[in-house]
Amino acid sequence: MILHLNETDFINTGKPIDLSIELRAEEDSLKAWGQGSPIIAPVRDGNFIGSVAEGGVVNFKNISFNPHAHITHTECCGHITEAFHSINDGLKQFFFNAQLISFVPDQQNEDEVITLEQLKSVHLNKDVEALIIRTIPNSDQKITRAYTGTNPPYLDAKIATYLIAHGIEHVLVDLPSVDREQDNGALAFHHAFWEVPKATNMKRTITEFIYVPNNILDGLFILELQMSSFRNDACPSRPVLYSIERN
C-alpha cells in the first residue's frame, strides 16, 4: 500500500524495515540483567499436553520472560516511578517522523559512551519526533548477545535535555539500556528524559534492544512503533521503519 505524506512524499507499506529482535527460548538468545534464557513450554495438566508433536491436539504454550531483559521493548516513566504507570496509558500515537543516526561510542576509561558532543555534530531535522541510535561496530551478534556483566555502551545523560529541547519524544537504541549497566541506581538518562520526579512526562518513551541492519543508511524515515497490549511499565514492541520516497 502507498501512503502519501504530502504532494510529493510517500511511504510504501509493502517495504517495512523491522528493527525488532524476536524472543527465542534458546540458550543462545538475547539476555541481560542477570536473567537466564526465556522459557516457552507446553502446558501439562493431567492428560492434557499442549504440544501436537507430543500427541496433543493443539499447541498451547506458556511463555516466561522479562521484557527488559529478553526482547525489543518500549518503556515509559513507570519504569522508574513509585506510582504505577503503564506504557499503554501514555502511548496513544504510533507513527512518527524519525531520524536514524550512527555513532562509534567514545572511549572514557573503561566505559563506551555516546556523548552530547557527538550528537551535536549531527544535524537533527526540525520535524523529528523519534531518534534512532545505532552503535558501531554493528553486527547481528546483537540479536543473541548475553549482555550481563559486559558494561555495554550507554548514553550521556546530558543528551536527554538536548533531545527534549529539540522536540524529540521517543528514543530507540540497540543497547540493553540508555544508562550504564551498573550505576548505583542513578539511571541518569531515564530520570532526565522523563523529568522524574519534578515534572514527570508520561508520553515520552524509550525503546531498547533494537537491531538496525547495516544496509540501512542514516537518514529520515517514518517510524511505526507497534506495541503489545501489556499493562506494565514496559512491553514487547516492534519498531518498523519506512523509507520516505518521492514522486
Protein backbone atom coordinates (compact mmCIF):
# COMPACT_ATOMS: atom_id res chain seq x y z
CA MET A 1 0.00 0.00 0.00
CA ILE A 2 1.19 3.51 -0.83
CA LEU A 3 0.56 6.16 1.83
CA HIS A 4 1.10 9.76 0.77
CA LEU A 5 2.68 12.14 3.28
CA ASN A 6 2.18 15.23 1.12
CA GLU A 7 2.03 16.10 -2.58
CA THR A 8 5.44 14.59 -3.34
CA ASP A 9 6.47 12.27 -0.50
CA PHE A 10 5.06 8.82 0.28
CA ILE A 11 5.87 5.54 2.00
CA ASN A 12 5.35 2.04 0.67
CA THR A 13 3.97 -0.13 3.47
CA GLY A 14 5.00 -3.17 1.45
CA LYS A 15 8.65 -2.36 2.22
CA PRO A 16 8.92 -2.41 6.01
CA ILE A 17 12.27 -2.34 7.85
CA ASP A 18 11.75 -4.34 11.03
CA LEU A 19 14.03 -3.25 13.90
CA SER A 20 12.77 -5.76 16.47
CA ILE A 21 14.56 -8.77 17.93
CA GLU A 22 12.33 -11.79 18.40
CA LEU A 23 12.00 -13.75 21.64
CA ARG A 24 13.84 -17.07 21.49
CA ALA A 25 13.63 -19.83 24.10
CA GLU A 26 17.18 -20.92 23.39
CA GLU A 27 20.44 -20.85 25.31
CA ASP A 28 21.94 -18.74 22.52
CA SER A 29 19.44 -15.92 22.91
CA LEU A 30 19.34 -12.25 23.81
CA LYS A 31 19.54 -11.68 27.54
CA ALA A 32 20.65 -9.12 30.11
CA TRP A 33 20.36 -8.07 33.75
CA GLY A 34 21.34 -11.46 35.15
CA GLN A 35 18.38 -13.25 33.58
CA GLY A 36 18.60 -16.71 32.04
CA SER A 37 17.02 -17.63 28.73
CA PRO A 38 13.25 -17.24 28.19
CA ILE A 39 11.12 -20.34 28.60
CA ILE A 40 8.43 -21.45 26.13
CA ALA A 41 6.89 -24.74 27.22
CA PRO A 42 3.66 -26.66 26.55
CA VAL A 43 1.01 -26.68 29.24
CA ARG A 44 0.78 -30.05 31.01
CA ASP A 45 -2.40 -30.64 33.00
CA GLY A 46 -3.38 -34.21 33.78
CA ASN A 47 -3.89 -35.98 30.45
CA PHE A 48 -3.68 -32.72 28.53
CA ILE A 49 -0.47 -31.68 26.83
CA GLY A 50 -0.25 -28.53 24.76
CA SER A 51 2.02 -29.97 22.08
CA VAL A 52 0.90 -31.60 18.85
CA ALA A 53 4.38 -33.12 18.44
CA GLU A 54 3.89 -34.89 21.78
CA GLY A 55 0.40 -36.18 20.95
CA GLY A 56 -1.74 -33.20 21.91
CA VAL A 57 -4.46 -31.77 19.69
CA VAL A 58 -3.17 -28.16 19.83
CA ASN A 59 0.00 -26.26 20.58
CA PHE A 60 -0.77 -24.41 23.81
CA LYS A 61 2.31 -22.99 25.49
CA ASN A 62 3.20 -20.80 28.42
CA ILE A 63 5.91 -18.18 27.93
CA SER A 64 8.13 -16.88 30.72
CA PHE A 65 10.33 -13.86 30.01
CA ASN A 66 11.22 -10.35 31.14
CA PRO A 67 10.54 -7.60 28.60
CA HIS A 68 13.52 -5.56 29.83
CA ALA A 69 15.91 -8.49 29.53
CA HIS A 70 14.87 -10.67 26.61
CA ILE A 71 13.30 -8.76 23.75
CA THR A 72 12.89 -5.44 21.97
CA HIS A 73 10.74 -3.40 24.32
CA THR A 74 9.33 0.06 24.82
CA GLU A 75 9.11 1.59 28.28
CA CYS A 76 7.54 4.63 29.90
CA CYS A 77 8.27 6.68 33.01
CA GLY A 78 6.64 3.92 35.09
CA HIS A 79 9.95 2.09 34.80
CA ILE A 80 11.42 4.38 37.48
CA THR A 81 8.44 5.88 39.34
CA GLU A 82 6.96 4.73 42.63
CA ALA A 83 3.47 5.30 41.26
CA PHE A 84 2.34 2.80 38.65
CA HIS A 85 2.22 3.99 35.04
CA SER A 86 1.51 1.68 32.12
CA ILE A 87 3.13 2.16 28.73
CA ASN A 88 -0.28 1.64 27.13
CA ASP A 89 -1.77 4.58 29.02
CA GLY A 90 0.78 7.04 27.68
CA LEU A 91 1.48 5.93 24.12
CA LYS A 92 -1.61 6.59 22.00
CA GLN A 93 0.06 7.52 18.69
CA PHE A 94 2.13 5.03 16.72
CA PHE A 95 3.51 6.78 13.62
CA PHE A 96 6.33 9.31 13.94
CA ASN A 97 8.82 11.30 11.90
CA ALA A 98 12.10 9.59 12.72
CA GLN A 99 15.81 10.02 12.14
CA LEU A 100 18.43 7.27 12.22
CA ILE A 101 21.96 8.21 13.30
CA SER A 102 25.03 6.03 13.92
CA PHE A 103 27.96 6.54 16.27
CA VAL A 104 31.14 4.86 17.41
CA PRO A 105 30.90 5.35 21.20
CA ASP A 106 33.57 7.50 22.79
CA GLN A 107 36.03 5.57 24.99
CA GLN A 108 36.02 7.01 28.52
CA ASN A 109 38.24 4.92 30.80
CA GLU A 110 36.51 1.52 30.97
CA ASP A 111 33.24 2.88 29.51
CA GLU A 112 31.96 3.45 25.97
CA VAL A 113 29.67 6.47 25.86
CA ILE A 114 27.58 8.26 23.24
CA THR A 115 28.29 11.87 24.15
CA LEU A 116 26.42 15.14 23.77
CA GLU A 117 29.27 16.45 21.63
CA GLN A 118 28.79 13.56 19.19
CA LEU A 119 25.06 14.21 18.99
CA LYS A 120 25.60 17.92 18.41
CA SER A 121 27.80 17.07 15.44
CA VAL A 122 24.75 15.67 13.63
CA HIS A 123 22.04 17.86 12.12
CA LEU A 124 18.69 16.87 13.64
CA ASN A 125 15.78 17.54 11.33
CA LYS A 126 13.36 20.02 12.89
CA ASP A 127 10.36 17.71 12.40
CA VAL A 128 11.91 14.65 14.06
CA GLU A 129 9.83 13.12 16.86
CA ALA A 130 11.75 9.86 17.28
CA LEU A 131 15.53 9.40 17.31
CA ILE A 132 17.04 6.01 16.48
CA ILE A 133 20.64 5.49 17.59
CA ARG A 134 22.75 2.70 16.08
CA THR A 135 26.10 1.92 17.69
CA ILE A 136 29.17 0.90 15.71
CA PRO A 137 30.54 -1.70 15.34
CA ASN A 138 27.22 -3.21 14.34
CA SER A 139 26.85 -6.95 13.81
CA ASP A 140 23.99 -9.42 14.01
CA GLN A 141 25.55 -10.73 17.22
CA LYS A 142 23.41 -8.06 18.88
CA ILE A 143 20.44 -10.36 18.24
CA THR A 144 21.73 -13.14 20.51
CA ARG A 145 24.25 -11.44 22.81
CA ALA A 146 24.37 -12.17 26.54
CA TYR A 147 24.99 -8.69 27.98
CA THR A 148 25.12 -9.34 31.71
CA GLY A 149 28.38 -8.10 33.20
CA THR A 150 29.76 -6.73 29.91
CA ASN A 151 29.36 -2.98 30.64
CA PRO A 152 27.75 -2.15 27.25
CA PRO A 153 27.84 1.36 25.74
CA TYR A 154 25.31 3.89 27.03
CA LEU A 155 24.15 7.49 26.53
CA ASP A 156 25.47 10.53 28.35
CA ALA A 157 22.58 11.82 30.47
CA LYS A 158 23.19 15.34 29.11
CA ILE A 159 21.75 14.13 25.81
CA ALA A 160 18.26 13.86 27.35
CA THR A 161 17.81 17.60 27.90
CA TYR A 162 19.15 18.31 24.42
CA LEU A 163 16.61 15.93 22.85
CA ILE A 164 13.74 17.41 24.82
CA ALA A 165 14.71 20.88 23.62
CA HIS A 166 14.56 19.59 20.03
CA GLY A 167 11.05 18.15 20.50
CA ILE A 168 12.13 14.51 20.41
CA GLU A 169 9.70 12.37 22.39
CA HIS A 170 10.91 8.87 21.58
CA VAL A 171 14.42 7.40 21.77
CA LEU A 172 15.36 4.00 20.33
CA VAL A 173 18.72 2.30 20.96
CA ASP A 174 20.36 -1.01 20.05
CA LEU A 175 21.56 -1.42 23.64
CA PRO A 176 20.22 -3.09 26.81
CA SER A 177 19.78 0.36 28.33
CA VAL A 178 20.30 4.06 27.71
CA ASP A 179 22.12 4.06 31.06
CA ARG A 180 25.26 2.39 32.38
CA GLU A 181 24.79 -1.26 33.37
CA GLN A 182 25.98 -0.58 36.93
CA ASP A 183 25.42 3.00 38.09
CA ASN A 184 24.33 2.53 41.74
CA GLY A 185 20.70 3.02 40.76
CA ALA A 186 21.14 6.51 39.31
CA LEU A 187 19.56 5.76 35.90
CA ALA A 188 20.54 9.29 34.98
CA PHE A 189 19.31 9.34 31.38
CA HIS A 190 15.98 7.74 32.30
CA HIS A 191 15.38 10.35 35.00
CA ALA A 192 16.44 13.28 32.82
CA PHE A 193 14.40 12.24 29.77
CA TRP A 194 11.23 11.58 31.76
CA GLU A 195 11.92 14.54 34.08
CA VAL A 196 11.33 12.39 37.15
CA PRO A 197 10.41 13.42 39.79
CA LYS A 198 9.97 17.16 39.19
CA ALA A 199 7.80 17.17 36.06
CA THR A 200 7.18 13.53 35.19
CA ASN A 201 6.41 13.09 31.50
CA MET A 202 4.13 10.14 30.79
CA LYS A 203 4.15 10.35 26.99
CA ARG A 204 7.85 10.04 26.17
CA THR A 205 9.17 6.55 25.53
CA ILE A 206 12.48 4.71 25.43
CA THR A 207 12.86 1.63 23.25
CA GLU A 208 15.82 -0.67 23.88
CA PHE A 209 17.23 -3.79 22.21
CA ILE A 210 16.53 -2.83 18.61
CA TYR A 211 18.73 -4.00 15.75
CA VAL A 212 19.29 -1.87 12.65
CA PRO A 213 20.81 -3.82 9.70
CA ASN A 214 23.97 -2.35 8.19
CA ASN A 215 22.35 -1.90 4.78
CA ILE A 216 20.00 0.73 6.20
CA LEU A 217 21.63 4.15 5.80
CA ASP A 218 21.33 7.01 8.27
CA GLY A 219 18.60 9.46 7.40
CA LEU A 220 14.91 10.31 7.73
CA PHE A 221 12.14 7.71 7.96
CA ILE A 222 8.61 7.19 9.14
CA LEU A 223 8.56 5.05 12.28
CA GLU A 224 5.66 2.80 13.18
CA LEU A 225 6.03 1.81 16.83
CA GLN A 226 3.93 -1.33 17.14
CA MET A 227 3.11 -2.29 20.73
CA SER A 228 1.85 -5.31 22.62
CA SER A 229 -1.02 -4.57 24.99
CA PHE A 230 0.69 -5.23 28.32
CA ARG A 231 -0.44 -3.31 31.39
CA ASN A 232 3.08 -2.76 32.58
CA ASP A 233 5.82 -0.14 32.64
CA ALA A 234 7.27 -1.80 29.54
CA CYS A 235 6.07 -4.20 26.90
CA PRO A 236 7.45 -6.04 23.87
CA SER A 237 7.41 -3.81 20.81
CA ARG A 238 8.10 -3.92 17.09
CA PRO A 239 9.57 -0.72 15.72
CA VAL A 240 9.18 -0.65 11.92
CA LEU A 241 10.75 1.93 9.62
CA TYR A 242 9.50 3.02 6.21
CA SER A 243 11.74 4.86 3.78
CA ILE A 244 10.37 8.19 2.59
CA GLU A 245 10.11 8.09 -1.19
CA ARG A 246 9.41 10.92 -3.61
CA ASN A 247 7.40 11.13 -6.80
